[in-house]
């Protein structure tokens, strides 16, 4: 039995949809919920009982982050469907209309600016909205969340319980712009918690109402202030509506010597570095950091973090209570005590899993780049996938020479080791509060895989042998404390700073 080109195109769309859905670990019901469809609809499309619509295809592409694959399959189907004469009579889409009518409210552009002002931060959010729905929009939901000590949830919760965020201190202002008109917007509280506020911005004020009608556009801008005693060194944006472009700007004092990095998470991926870089420019006594992305997926979260390398007025008690391991935890490093650090890592099936291996290696390399911003690591540094919560047999080792390329170890195993060894102090990203004296061989031969499935043997010596051995231990479920001689104590990092010595070979 033959099928028409149109049927084959519809089948290709269904196959592409199912592939990306299962790849993201979503059930049909979960995907339908995220897309705003009836739970049975995804099942009907995948089983070919329903043909895809443009609305369905756009939402599926946005939620599943398919890099255009789902949308491409729909366009192929749609071209065939309209290949007859009526194709010439189709109405062209409205200029700039990203989603079809009926989708609802769309954020065409967002610019979020956070400015450090003396002892507080001022946040200004500007959003260009388009109503692609069928009903007028009369209110817009806004969330304000603070976290003074993001690396220490217990301490942060206690702090905000004792010093709760209040609506009064926010000094919230909101406006709606339409052409040359600028109208103040009233607001109404929805949730009021110690570190979290949720409120409705109303498309009205004491003078009049100005709903956003279907097919219309308007820009809203709202601003609020939070004292630095309640605002930790992070700024997060979440994508809750279909968004075409999102930009974030940090305006920080140059005198504090700020250093900024970022991370992102989504429904389909764990936390990783931002996919586009943060730019930096100086303006008089300020340093401005900018970051932007186009077509961010629904429910994605983007977090910019910073530290001030020169802050004379920092709280003394804070400096004494933030441990080195807290800083590692804040970068997403799994800490000692986690079960994953005591389990052998799962090897890659290469070359079949080449893409997965490359993605893990890229995340490890990005983590090392972030770590280099916080600590000199003059002896070199390594990181294994389990330390990022990834149960895969991959590690990356960077030599002491920062200009040298890091070494990627996939499915590594030690095949030979020098009988000669020495003892040196080691640290661990997952146990960063202490250092320990660990015996290691002076030479290590490691067999490891290439992305194409072939295997090679690399010989490491002295410091690189120690770093490679440390990371391979991680992949086998061991920590350096397992290698220490009985009775040898761990040294607190504060004491090690005073007595420690560089590795000597």
Protein backbone atom coordinates (compact mmCIF):
# COMPACT_ATOMS: atom_id res chain seq x y z
CA UNK A 1 0.00 0.00 0.00
CA UNK A 2 1.43 3.36 -1.04
CA UNK A 3 1.07 6.60 0.88
CA UNK A 4 0.88 10.12 -0.43
CA UNK A 5 3.70 12.65 0.05
CA UNK A 6 1.39 14.50 2.44
CA UNK A 7 0.90 11.39 4.57
CA UNK A 8 4.63 10.75 4.62
CA UNK A 9 5.26 14.34 5.70
CA UNK A 10 2.73 14.00 8.53
CA UNK A 11 4.41 10.76 9.58
CA UNK A 12 7.81 12.47 9.60
CA UNK A 13 6.44 15.19 11.85
CA UNK A 14 5.00 12.63 14.28
CA UNK A 15 8.29 10.70 14.37
CA UNK A 16 10.29 13.88 15.02
CA UNK A 17 7.90 14.93 17.79
CA UNK A 18 8.07 11.53 19.50
CA UNK A 19 11.87 11.42 19.21
CA UNK A 20 12.35 14.76 20.94
CA UNK A 21 9.68 14.08 23.55
CA UNK A 22 11.21 10.77 24.61
CA UNK A 23 14.67 12.29 24.43
CA UNK A 24 13.59 14.88 27.00
CA UNK A 25 12.09 12.18 29.23
CA UNK A 26 8.55 13.56 28.98
CA UNK A 27 5.33 11.59 28.81
CA UNK A 28 2.68 12.59 26.29
CA UNK A 29 0.58 13.97 29.13
CA UNK A 30 3.48 16.03 30.52
CA UNK A 31 4.27 17.49 27.10
CA UNK A 32 0.62 18.36 26.48
CA UNK A 33 0.44 20.14 29.84
CA UNK A 34 3.57 22.19 29.12
CA UNK A 35 2.20 23.11 25.70
CA UNK A 36 -1.23 24.04 27.05
CA UNK A 37 -3.08 21.31 25.12
CA UNK A 38 -5.55 18.62 26.16
CA UNK A 39 -3.57 15.58 27.41
CA UNK A 40 -4.94 13.36 24.62
CA UNK A 41 -3.90 15.69 21.81
CA UNK A 42 -0.20 14.78 21.74
CA UNK A 43 -1.17 11.10 21.66
CA UNK A 44 -3.49 11.71 18.73
CA UNK A 45 -0.80 13.57 16.77
CA UNK A 46 1.85 10.93 17.40
CA UNK A 47 -0.56 8.14 16.39
CA UNK A 48 -1.48 10.09 13.20
CA UNK A 49 -5.15 10.41 14.19
CA UNK A 50 -4.74 14.22 14.16
CA UNK A 51 -2.70 16.25 11.70
CA UNK A 52 -0.39 18.91 13.22
CA UNK A 53 -1.41 22.55 13.30
CA UNK A 54 0.91 25.56 13.15
CA UNK A 55 0.05 26.45 16.74
CA UNK A 56 0.84 22.92 17.91
CA UNK A 57 4.13 22.82 15.98
CA UNK A 58 5.37 26.16 17.32
CA UNK A 59 4.58 25.26 20.90
CA UNK A 60 6.18 21.82 20.57
CA UNK A 61 9.31 23.39 19.08
CA UNK A 62 9.51 25.93 21.92
CA UNK A 63 8.94 23.45 24.76
CA UNK A 64 11.16 20.65 23.41
CA UNK A 65 13.98 22.97 22.25
CA UNK A 66 14.31 20.94 19.05
CA UNK A 67 16.74 23.39 17.36
CA UNK A 68 14.21 23.89 14.58
CA UNK A 69 13.79 20.17 13.71
CA UNK A 70 10.11 19.93 14.67
CA UNK A 71 9.33 23.24 13.00
CA UNK A 72 11.13 22.12 9.82
CA UNK A 73 9.07 18.92 9.63
CA UNK A 74 5.90 20.99 10.01
CA UNK A 75 6.94 23.41 7.27
CA UNK A 76 7.53 20.47 4.91
CA UNK A 77 4.09 19.13 5.74
CA UNK A 78 2.50 22.58 5.47
CA UNK A 79 4.03 23.27 2.04
CA UNK A 80 2.55 20.05 0.69
CA UNK A 81 -0.80 20.76 2.29
CA UNK A 82 -1.00 24.13 0.55
CA UNK A 83 0.54 23.06 -2.75
CA UNK A 84 -2.76 23.51 -4.58
CA UNK A 85 -4.10 26.67 -6.07
CA UNK A 86 -5.42 28.03 -2.80
CA UNK A 87 -1.83 28.41 -1.63
CA UNK A 88 -1.63 31.64 -3.61
CA UNK A 89 -4.60 33.01 -1.69
CA UNK A 90 -3.24 32.38 1.78
CA UNK A 91 -3.11 35.47 3.94
CA UNK A 92 0.49 36.38 4.86
CA UNK A 93 1.35 36.36 8.57
CA UNK A 94 1.25 39.63 10.43
CA UNK A 95 4.68 41.33 10.51
CA UNK A 96 6.58 40.40 13.64
CA UNK A 97 3.97 37.88 14.76
CA UNK A 98 6.01 35.04 16.22
CA UNK A 99 3.12 32.84 17.38
CA UNK A 100 -0.23 32.40 15.65
CA UNK A 101 -3.48 33.93 16.99
CA UNK A 102 -4.82 32.09 20.00
CA UNK A 103 -1.44 31.52 21.64
CA UNK A 104 -1.98 34.16 24.31
CA UNK A 105 0.39 36.77 25.64
CA UNK A 106 3.86 36.92 24.08
CA UNK A 107 6.98 38.73 25.29
CA UNK A 108 8.62 40.04 22.14
CA UNK A 109 11.56 41.64 23.97
CA UNK A 110 12.68 41.81 27.57
CA UNK A 111 15.49 43.86 29.07
CA UNK A 112 16.20 43.35 32.76
CA UNK A 113 18.67 45.79 34.32
CA UNK A 114 20.10 45.45 37.83
CA UNK A 115 22.04 48.44 39.19
CA UNK A 116 24.11 48.48 42.38
CA UNK A 117 23.32 51.78 44.13
CA UNK A 118 25.25 52.35 47.34
CA UNK A 119 23.73 49.94 49.85
CA UNK A 120 20.95 48.61 47.60
CA UNK A 121 20.09 47.22 44.19
CA UNK A 122 17.58 48.73 41.79
CA UNK A 123 15.95 46.36 39.32
CA UNK A 124 14.18 47.62 36.18
CA UNK A 125 12.31 45.18 33.93
CA UNK A 126 11.12 46.34 30.53
CA UNK A 127 8.93 44.02 28.42
CA UNK A 128 7.43 44.53 24.99
CA UNK A 129 4.18 42.54 24.91
CA UNK A 130 1.99 41.30 22.08
CA UNK A 131 -1.48 39.86 22.68
CA UNK A 132 -1.74 36.90 20.28
CA UNK A 133 -4.76 35.58 22.19
CA UNK A 134 -8.48 36.03 21.76
CA UNK A 135 -9.24 37.90 25.01
CA UNK A 136 -8.10 41.29 26.33
CA UNK A 137 -5.29 41.19 28.91
CA UNK A 138 -6.05 43.20 32.06
CA UNK A 139 -3.21 42.15 34.40
CA UNK A 140 0.34 40.81 34.34
CA UNK A 141 1.90 38.56 37.02
CA UNK A 142 5.24 39.69 38.52
CA UNK A 143 7.48 37.77 40.94
CA UNK A 144 10.23 39.14 43.19
CA UNK A 145 12.46 36.62 44.99
CA UNK A 146 15.55 37.26 47.12
CA UNK A 147 18.17 34.91 48.52
CA UNK A 148 20.86 36.54 50.65
CA UNK A 149 23.09 33.46 50.93
CA UNK A 150 22.38 31.27 47.87
CA UNK A 151 25.12 28.81 48.82
CA UNK A 152 23.70 28.27 52.31
CA UNK A 153 19.90 27.73 52.20
CA UNK A 154 19.54 27.22 55.94
CA UNK A 155 21.29 30.45 56.76
CA UNK A 156 19.39 32.29 54.05
CA UNK A 157 16.01 31.08 55.32
CA UNK A 158 16.88 32.13 58.87
CA UNK A 159 18.08 35.53 57.68
CA UNK A 160 14.91 36.28 55.73
CA UNK A 161 12.73 35.01 58.55
CA UNK A 162 14.41 37.51 60.87
CA UNK A 163 14.57 40.25 58.20
CA UNK A 164 11.63 39.66 55.84
CA UNK A 165 11.30 41.47 52.54
CA UNK A 166 8.41 43.95 52.62
CA UNK A 167 6.31 45.51 49.89
CA UNK A 168 7.00 48.94 51.38
CA UNK A 169 10.78 48.71 50.92
CA UNK A 170 10.42 47.56 47.30
CA UNK A 171 9.24 51.03 46.26
CA UNK A 172 7.59 49.41 43.29
CA UNK A 173 6.77 51.57 40.27
CA UNK A 174 5.05 50.31 37.11
CA UNK A 175 4.15 51.93 33.79
CA UNK A 176 2.55 51.00 30.51
CA UNK A 177 3.72 52.64 27.31
CA UNK A 178 1.81 52.81 24.05
CA UNK A 179 3.50 55.04 21.54
CA UNK A 180 4.11 58.37 23.23
CA UNK A 181 1.70 57.66 26.10
CA UNK A 182 3.04 56.55 29.48
CA UNK A 183 0.46 55.46 32.04
CA UNK A 184 1.11 54.52 35.66
CA UNK A 185 -0.09 50.99 36.48
CA UNK A 186 -1.66 50.03 39.78
CA UNK A 187 -0.73 46.72 41.35
CA UNK A 188 -2.30 44.20 43.71
CA UNK A 189 -0.49 41.69 45.97
CA UNK A 190 -1.07 37.98 45.35
CA UNK A 191 1.46 36.27 47.67
CA UNK A 192 3.49 37.78 50.50
CA UNK A 193 6.27 35.64 51.99
CA UNK A 194 9.53 36.40 53.76
CA UNK A 195 11.75 36.13 50.66
CA UNK A 196 9.17 35.99 47.89
CA UNK A 197 6.56 38.41 46.60
CA UNK A 198 4.04 37.83 43.84
CA UNK A 199 1.77 40.60 42.55
CA UNK A 200 -0.45 41.57 39.66
CA UNK A 201 0.37 44.62 37.58
CA UNK A 202 -3.00 46.00 36.52
CA UNK A 203 -3.68 47.61 33.16
CA UNK A 204 -5.47 50.42 34.95
CA UNK A 205 -4.92 53.35 37.31
CA UNK A 206 -7.04 55.89 39.16
CA UNK A 207 -7.85 57.70 35.91
CA UNK A 208 -8.74 54.92 33.50
CA UNK A 209 -8.38 51.35 32.29
CA UNK A 210 -6.28 50.39 29.27
CA UNK A 211 -6.53 46.64 28.53
CA UNK A 212 -4.21 45.08 25.98
CA UNK A 213 -6.59 43.88 23.29
CA UNK A 214 -5.99 40.95 20.89
CA UNK A 215 -3.60 41.94 18.11
CA UNK A 216 -2.28 44.97 20.04
CA UNK A 217 1.20 45.67 21.40
CA UNK A 218 2.32 47.59 24.46
CA UNK A 219 5.45 47.99 26.58
CA UNK A 220 5.37 47.65 30.35
CA UNK A 221 8.15 48.71 32.69
CA UNK A 222 8.37 48.08 36.40
CA UNK A 223 11.11 48.79 38.91
CA UNK A 224 11.82 47.91 42.52
CA UNK A 225 14.63 48.23 45.08
CA UNK A 226 16.12 45.70 47.50
CA UNK A 227 18.82 46.40 50.09
CA UNK A 228 22.12 44.55 49.69
CA UNK A 229 21.49 43.04 53.13
CA UNK A 230 18.74 40.96 51.45
CA UNK A 231 19.99 40.59 47.87
CA UNK A 232 22.63 37.93 47.31
CA UNK A 233 25.16 38.01 44.44
CA UNK A 234 22.85 36.58 41.77
CA UNK A 235 20.15 37.70 39.35
CA UNK A 236 17.86 35.12 37.75
CA UNK A 237 15.42 35.38 34.87
CA UNK A 238 12.80 32.71 34.13
CA UNK A 239 10.94 32.24 30.84
CA UNK A 240 7.28 31.82 31.73
CA UNK A 241 5.74 33.10 28.48
CA UNK A 242 6.79 32.59 24.85
CA UNK A 243 9.67 35.04 24.44
CA UNK A 244 11.47 36.20 21.31
CA UNK A 245 14.45 37.95 22.91
CA UNK A 246 15.74 38.28 26.47
CA UNK A 247 18.57 40.53 27.61
CA UNK A 248 20.10 41.09 31.05
CA UNK A 249 22.32 43.98 32.14
CA UNK A 250 24.32 44.32 35.36
CA UNK A 251 25.53 47.83 36.23
CA UNK A 252 28.10 47.50 39.02
CA UNK A 253 30.67 49.85 40.65
CA UNK A 254 34.15 49.58 39.15
CA UNK A 255 35.64 50.24 42.59
CA UNK A 256 34.41 46.81 43.75
CA UNK A 257 36.22 45.03 40.88
CA UNK A 258 33.22 42.84 39.92
CA UNK A 259 33.58 39.46 38.24
CA UNK A 260 30.51 37.98 36.52
CA UNK A 261 29.60 34.54 35.15
CA UNK A 262 26.34 32.78 34.36
CA UNK A 263 24.47 29.49 34.14
CA UNK A 264 21.27 28.20 32.57
CA UNK A 265 18.87 25.33 33.12
CA UNK A 266 15.85 24.05 31.21
CA UNK A 267 13.36 21.19 31.24
CA UNK A 268 15.67 19.12 29.06
CA UNK A 269 19.08 19.96 30.52
CA UNK A 270 20.74 20.24 33.89
CA UNK A 271 22.56 23.41 34.85
CA UNK A 272 25.34 24.41 32.48
CA UNK A 273 27.15 27.57 31.42
CA UNK A 274 25.40 30.24 29.38
CA UNK A 275 25.54 29.37 25.69
CA UNK A 276 26.47 32.91 24.73
CA UNK A 277 29.12 35.01 26.51
CA UNK A 278 28.59 37.87 28.92
CA UNK A 279 30.15 41.07 27.54
CA UNK A 280 31.88 43.68 29.68
CA UNK A 281 32.43 47.40 29.17
CA UNK A 282 33.58 50.27 31.36
CA UNK A 283 31.62 53.51 31.69
CA UNK A 284 33.32 56.10 33.93
CA UNK A 285 33.28 54.58 37.44
CA UNK A 286 30.91 51.75 36.45
CA UNK A 287 31.34 48.37 34.78
CA UNK A 288 28.39 47.16 32.71
CA UNK A 289 27.87 43.47 31.89
CA UNK A 290 25.44 42.52 29.11
CA UNK A 291 24.02 39.17 28.07
CA UNK A 292 21.23 38.28 25.62
CA UNK A 293 19.60 35.29 23.96
CA UNK A 294 17.03 34.84 21.19
CA UNK A 295 14.01 32.52 21.34
CA UNK A 296 14.71 31.12 24.82
CA UNK A 297 12.77 27.90 25.52
CA UNK A 298 9.76 27.98 27.80
CA UNK A 299 10.54 27.32 31.48
CA UNK A 300 14.27 27.96 30.98
CA UNK A 301 16.10 29.79 33.77
CA UNK A 302 19.13 32.02 33.35
CA UNK A 303 21.22 33.10 36.32
CA UNK A 304 24.01 35.67 36.38
CA UNK A 305 26.28 35.54 39.41
CA UNK A 306 29.08 37.80 40.54
CA UNK A 307 31.61 38.46 43.23
CA UNK A 308 33.32 41.67 44.27
CA UNK A 309 37.06 41.12 44.50
CA UNK A 310 37.53 44.42 46.30
CA UNK A 311 34.88 45.04 48.95
CA UNK A 312 36.30 46.79 52.01
CA UNK A 313 32.92 47.08 53.68
CA UNK A 314 32.07 43.37 53.49
CA UNK A 315 30.49 41.91 56.59
CA UNK A 316 33.24 40.41 58.79
CA UNK A 317 30.96 37.69 60.11
CA UNK A 318 29.96 36.72 56.56
CA UNK A 319 33.56 36.40 55.46
CA UNK A 320 34.21 34.09 58.39
CA UNK A 321 31.18 31.89 57.81
CA UNK A 322 31.31 31.25 54.07
CA UNK A 323 33.39 28.11 53.70
CA UNK A 324 35.38 27.18 50.59
CA UNK A 325 33.07 24.20 50.10
CA UNK A 326 30.09 26.61 50.03
CA UNK A 327 31.66 28.39 47.08
CA UNK A 328 32.16 25.07 45.31
CA UNK A 329 28.58 24.06 46.06
CA UNK A 330 27.43 27.40 44.68
CA UNK A 331 29.07 26.50 41.36
CA UNK A 332 27.17 23.23 41.23
CA UNK A 333 29.98 20.96 42.52
CA UNK A 334 28.59 17.88 44.29
CA UNK A 335 30.00 17.69 47.81
CA UNK A 336 31.37 14.83 49.87
CA UNK A 337 28.64 12.61 51.29
CA UNK A 338 26.64 12.38 48.07
CA UNK A 339 25.99 8.78 46.98
CA UNK A 340 27.02 9.55 43.41
CA UNK A 341 30.62 10.17 44.50
CA UNK A 342 30.83 6.61 45.83
CA UNK A 343 29.55 4.84 42.71
CA UNK A 344 31.48 3.79 39.60
CA UNK A 345 30.57 6.08 36.70
CA UNK A 346 28.72 4.73 33.67
CA UNK A 347 30.98 4.39 30.58
CA UNK A 348 30.05 5.81 27.18
CA UNK A 349 29.14 3.54 24.29
CA UNK A 350 31.33 5.13 21.62
CA UNK A 351 30.95 6.15 18.88
CA UNK A 352 27.18 5.72 19.33
CA UNK A 353 27.15 8.18 22.25
CA UNK A 354 29.62 10.62 20.73
CA UNK A 355 27.27 13.59 21.04
CA UNK A 356 26.55 12.84 24.71
CA UNK A 357 30.28 12.49 25.40
CA UNK A 358 31.04 15.82 23.74
CA UNK A 359 28.29 17.55 25.72
CA UNK A 360 29.61 16.19 29.04
CA UNK A 361 33.18 17.17 28.14
CA UNK A 362 32.02 20.68 27.21
CA UNK A 363 30.23 21.05 30.55
CA UNK A 364 33.33 19.91 32.42
CA UNK A 365 35.54 22.36 30.51
CA UNK A 366 33.06 25.19 31.18
CA UNK A 367 33.05 24.32 34.89
CA UNK A 368 36.85 24.53 34.97
CA UNK A 369 36.67 27.96 33.37
CA UNK A 370 34.30 29.14 36.10
CA UNK A 371 36.50 27.61 38.78
CA UNK A 372 39.54 29.45 37.44
CA UNK A 373 37.69 32.70 38.13
CA UNK A 374 37.42 31.85 41.84
CA UNK A 375 40.74 30.15 42.62
CA UNK A 376 44.25 30.25 41.04
CA UNK A 377 44.81 26.43 40.90
CA UNK A 378 48.48 27.02 40.22
CA UNK A 379 49.18 23.26 40.40
CA UNK A 380 46.63 22.47 37.74
CA UNK A 381 43.09 21.24 38.30
CA UNK A 382 40.74 18.50 37.23
CA UNK A 383 37.05 17.71 37.45
CA UNK A 384 35.10 14.50 36.92
CA UNK A 385 31.53 14.20 35.65
CA UNK A 386 30.12 12.82 38.95
CA UNK A 387 31.21 16.07 40.61
CA UNK A 388 28.66 17.86 38.42
CA UNK A 389 26.01 15.27 39.21
CA UNK A 390 26.56 13.39 35.93
CA UNK A 391 26.85 9.63 36.14
CA UNK A 392 29.24 9.31 33.18
CA UNK A 393 32.85 8.20 32.87
CA UNK A 394 34.42 11.46 31.78
CA UNK A 395 36.97 13.81 33.34
CA UNK A 396 38.93 16.86 32.24
CA UNK A 397 42.39 17.75 33.57
CA UNK A 398 44.05 21.15 33.07
CA UNK A 399 47.86 21.36 33.43
CA UNK A 400 49.48 24.09 35.58
CA UNK A 401 50.23 25.99 32.37
CA UNK A 402 46.93 27.71 31.68
CA UNK A 403 47.81 28.15 28.01
CA UNK A 404 47.90 24.36 27.55
CA UNK A 405 44.79 22.54 26.36
CA UNK A 406 42.93 20.50 29.01
CA UNK A 407 43.08 16.72 28.60
CA UNK A 408 39.73 14.94 28.13
CA UNK A 409 39.56 11.44 29.60
CA UNK A 410 36.67 9.25 28.41
CA UNK A 411 36.23 5.76 29.88
CA UNK A 412 39.77 5.91 31.32
CA UNK A 413 41.59 3.07 33.05
CA UNK A 414 45.11 2.85 34.45
CA UNK A 415 47.15 0.25 32.53
CA UNK A 416 50.56 0.85 34.12
CA UNK A 417 52.06 2.89 36.97
CA UNK A 418 55.58 3.68 38.10
CA UNK A 419 56.77 1.77 41.19
CA UNK A 420 58.22 5.06 42.41
CA UNK A 421 55.81 7.33 44.28
CA UNK A 422 55.77 10.36 46.51
CA UNK A 423 53.40 12.08 48.95
CA UNK A 424 51.94 15.52 48.29
CA UNK A 425 49.00 17.47 49.65
CA UNK A 426 45.87 17.25 47.55
CA UNK A 427 42.60 19.10 47.62
CA UNK A 428 39.28 18.15 46.11
CA UNK A 429 36.51 20.31 44.67
CA UNK A 430 34.03 18.07 46.49
CA UNK A 431 35.91 18.37 49.80
CA UNK A 432 37.43 21.84 49.55
CA UNK A 433 37.60 22.71 53.25
CA UNK A 434 40.57 20.39 53.84
CA UNK A 435 43.81 19.14 52.31
CA UNK A 436 45.30 15.67 52.69
CA UNK A 437 48.72 14.07 52.23
CA UNK A 438 48.26 11.43 49.51
CA UNK A 439 50.79 8.97 48.03
CA UNK A 440 50.69 8.70 44.22
CA UNK A 441 52.90 7.09 41.53
CA UNK A 442 55.25 9.42 39.69
CA UNK A 443 54.13 8.08 36.30
CA UNK A 444 50.75 6.83 35.17
CA UNK A 445 49.81 5.23 31.83
CA UNK A 446 46.13 5.72 31.11
CA UNK A 447 44.15 4.07 28.34
CA UNK A 448 41.16 6.20 27.35
CA UNK A 449 38.67 6.49 24.51
CA UNK A 450 38.41 8.96 21.65
CA UNK A 451 35.05 10.22 20.43
CA UNK A 452 35.19 7.85 17.44
CA UNK A 453 35.47 4.84 19.76
CA UNK A 454 39.20 4.23 19.27
CA UNK A 455 41.40 4.00 22.34
CA UNK A 456 44.80 5.54 23.03
CA UNK A 457 47.28 5.41 25.88
CA UNK A 458 48.57 8.66 27.41
CA UNK A 459 51.49 8.71 29.80
CA UNK A 460 51.31 11.28 32.61
CA UNK A 461 54.20 12.25 34.87
CA UNK A 462 54.60 13.98 38.24
CA UNK A 463 51.90 16.60 38.83
CA UNK A 464 49.79 15.61 35.83
CA UNK A 465 50.00 11.97 36.94
CA UNK A 466 48.66 13.01 40.34
CA UNK A 467 45.82 15.03 38.80
CA UNK A 468 44.86 12.22 36.40
CA UNK A 469 44.94 9.62 39.18
CA UNK A 470 42.73 11.83 41.37
CA UNK A 471 40.08 12.18 38.64
CA UNK A 472 40.15 8.50 37.67
CA UNK A 473 39.56 7.70 41.34
CA UNK A 474 36.41 9.83 41.15
CA UNK A 475 35.16 7.81 38.19
CA UNK A 476 35.73 4.62 40.17
CA UNK A 477 33.87 5.90 43.24
CA UNK A 478 36.90 6.79 45.39
CA UNK A 479 38.03 9.98 47.13
CA UNK A 480 41.59 10.96 47.95
CA UNK A 481 41.00 10.23 51.65
CA UNK A 482 40.78 6.54 50.68
CA UNK A 483 44.42 6.74 49.54
CA UNK A 484 45.81 8.38 52.67
CA UNK A 485 47.90 6.37 55.10
CA UNK A 486 46.10 5.31 58.31
CA UNK A 487 46.33 7.89 61.08
CA UNK A 488 47.38 10.79 58.85
CA UNK A 489 45.10 13.73 59.70
CA UNK A 490 43.40 16.08 57.29
CA UNK A 491 44.58 19.68 57.36
CA UNK A 492 42.00 22.51 57.43
CA UNK A 493 42.44 24.74 54.40
CA UNK A 494 43.11 27.77 56.62
CA UNK A 495 46.06 25.98 58.21
CA UNK A 496 47.26 24.64 54.86
CA UNK A 497 47.46 28.19 53.50
CA UNK A 498 50.02 28.92 56.19
CA UNK A 499 52.04 25.69 56.02
CA UNK A 500 51.37 24.19 52.59
CA UNK A 501 54.02 23.95 49.92
CA UNK A 502 53.83 23.83 46.11
CA UNK A 503 54.32 20.42 44.56
CA UNK A 504 58.03 19.85 43.93
CA UNK A 505 59.29 17.42 41.31
